[in-house]
Amino acid sequence: MHMILEGDHQRAWKDGEKHESRLVFIGRDLDADRLRKSFEACQAA
């Protein structure tokens, strides 16, 4: 497995639809807490 990062707008948001994006990590023995904390540390205020 290797790293692949690809993103594209699928469609415009529908009225009233929750705006959210998801990242999916596929792997074994990933440290979910460490990944979560790392991403939270990158959030813009």
C-alpha atoms as a PDB file:
ATOM      1  CA  MET A   1       0.000   0.000   0.000  1.00  0.00           C
ATOM      2  CA  HIS A   2       1.216   3.505  -0.636  1.00  0.00           C
ATOM      3  CA  MET A   3       0.011   7.020   0.081  1.00  0.00           C
ATOM      4  CA  ILE A   4      -2.622   8.411  -2.253  1.00  0.00           C
ATOM      5  CA  LEU A   5      -4.127  11.847  -1.794  1.00  0.00           C
ATOM      6  CA  GLU A   6      -6.774  12.861  -4.230  1.00  0.00           C
ATOM      7  CA  GLY A   7      -9.612  15.283  -3.752  1.00  0.00           C
ATOM      8  CA  ASP A   8     -12.357  16.747  -5.845  1.00  0.00           C
ATOM      9  CA  HIS A   9     -15.693  18.416  -5.305  1.00  0.00           C
ATOM     10  CA  GLN A  10     -18.340  15.797  -5.903  1.00  0.00           C
ATOM     11  CA  ARG A  11     -21.297  18.172  -6.103  1.00  0.00           C
ATOM     12  CA  ALA A  12     -22.669  21.346  -4.545  1.00  0.00           C
ATOM     13  CA  TRP A  13     -24.051  21.131  -0.990  1.00  0.00           C
ATOM     14  CA  LYS A  14     -27.811  20.621  -0.826  1.00  0.00           C
ATOM     15  CA  ASP A  15     -29.890  23.110   1.155  1.00  0.00           C
ATOM     16  CA  GLY A  16     -29.846  22.113   4.828  1.00  0.00           C
ATOM     17  CA  GLU A  17     -27.210  19.437   4.273  1.00  0.00           C
ATOM     18  CA  LYS A  18     -24.511  19.133   6.939  1.00  0.00           C
ATOM     19  CA  HIS A  19     -21.188  20.352   5.556  1.00  0.00           C
ATOM     20  CA  GLU A  20     -18.571  17.756   6.431  1.00  0.00           C
ATOM     21  CA  SER A  21     -15.607  16.018   4.905  1.00  0.00           C
ATOM     22  CA  ARG A  22     -14.070  12.677   5.833  1.00  0.00           C
ATOM     23  CA  LEU A  23     -10.615  11.189   5.713  1.00  0.00           C
ATOM     24  CA  VAL A  24     -10.314   7.419   5.626  1.00  0.00           C
ATOM     25  CA  PHE A  25      -7.124   5.683   6.735  1.00  0.00           C
ATOM     26  CA  ILE A  26      -6.632   2.100   5.705  1.00  0.00           C
ATOM     27  CA  GLY A  27      -3.943   0.281   7.614  1.00  0.00           C
ATOM     28  CA  ARG A  28      -3.075  -1.998  10.471  1.00  0.00           C
ATOM     29  CA  ASP A  29      -2.374  -1.078  14.069  1.00  0.00           C
ATOM     30  CA  LEU A  30      -2.934   2.637  13.464  1.00  0.00           C
ATOM     31  CA  ASP A  31      -2.915   4.731  16.626  1.00  0.00           C
ATOM     32  CA  ALA A  32      -6.339   6.403  16.330  1.00  0.00           C
ATOM     33  CA  ASP A  33      -5.748   8.700  19.324  1.00  0.00           C
ATOM     34  CA  ARG A  34      -2.411   9.904  17.944  1.00  0.00           C
ATOM     35  CA  LEU A  35      -3.902  10.538  14.488  1.00  0.00           C
ATOM     36  CA  ARG A  36      -6.854  12.438  15.981  1.00  0.00           C
ATOM     37  CA  LYS A  37      -4.620  14.604  18.183  1.00  0.00           C
ATOM     38  CA  SER A  38      -2.276  15.350  15.272  1.00  0.00           C
ATOM     39  CA  PHE A  39      -5.122  16.543  13.061  1.00  0.00           C
ATOM     40  CA  GLU A  40      -6.736  18.534  15.862  1.00  0.00           C
ATOM     41  CA  ALA A  41      -3.402  20.322  16.393  1.00  0.00           C
ATOM     42  CA  CYS A  42      -3.564  21.489  12.745  1.00  0.00           C
ATOM     43  CA  GLN A  43      -7.023  23.067  12.961  1.00  0.00           C
ATOM     44  CA  ALA A  44      -7.331  26.716  12.061  1.00  0.00           C
ATOM     45  CA  ALA A  45      -9.226  28.823  14.562  1.00  0.00           C
END
